[in-house]
């Protein structure tokens, strides 16, 4: 009988793991009895379950590498895990978790009675990295033009974004806060644009300088002013010319211009009505 249990009848049947334990064997006849204790062990092939070896693992970059998988079996099985695609190599050679550890691993439990396999998927979380900013269409913006600044960063969990930038009323942020758009750039929009990516493992920032170029506007303004001044000057010169040459005809004007320091050349042509002189003047 099993220790503490009811006696069992003799006979043959298939052994199960429940048969393991301590048994008391008692022999009896009319002259007395003899007792002996027997310990029975049951050996069986390995098995790997969810409790001892979860199929999904979450590691954090920089923490010690550990991929433990518990398996049942008798004799106790040996368990080895290797990343799929790496042949028989063990975990990537690093004492601490890196992003290269992410992937699917196959764990094998083995004893003298067989083996069992189980796949484990490992995800690696890490703080934001590789923050980059891009200004579209360019970081050199003409006044009055529109532009946008986009921020990108790696990280797991996916990072959230925050901004530090020149204060201006013409800013519009995207729904996910990854970009900011500026319509009608002005002097208030020039300066340093800084994006900070944050998740539960840390934060990282990146910056870009935006320049608002007003030289084109200044050039147009100066050209407009110059045009106005030129127009006024030409009007004054025209008035002076009309005043000084009124009622004077014939060769007088040609000879007057020919003697001027501004005269470059004279062109003489013959027409039915006589000779016509053309005068080309240079700037003083």
Foldseek 3Di string as FASTA:
>chain_A
DFVVDDDDDDDDDDDDQVPFHKDWDWDDDPVGIDIDIDGDGDWDWKDFDCVQANQEAEAEFPAFDDRGTAIDTVVGWDKAKPFPPPPPDGQPPDRTDDQVRFHKMKMWTGDPHGIYIGIHGYGYWYWKDDKDKDKPPDLEAEAQAKIKIFIDIDGPVFWQKDKDAQDDDQWDADPRRRMIIGGRDDPSRFAKIKMWTGDPRGIDMDIDGHHHDHVVVVVVVVVVVVVVVVVVVVVVVVVVVCVVCPPPDDCPVVVVLVPDPQWDDWDWDADPVGIDIDTDGDDD
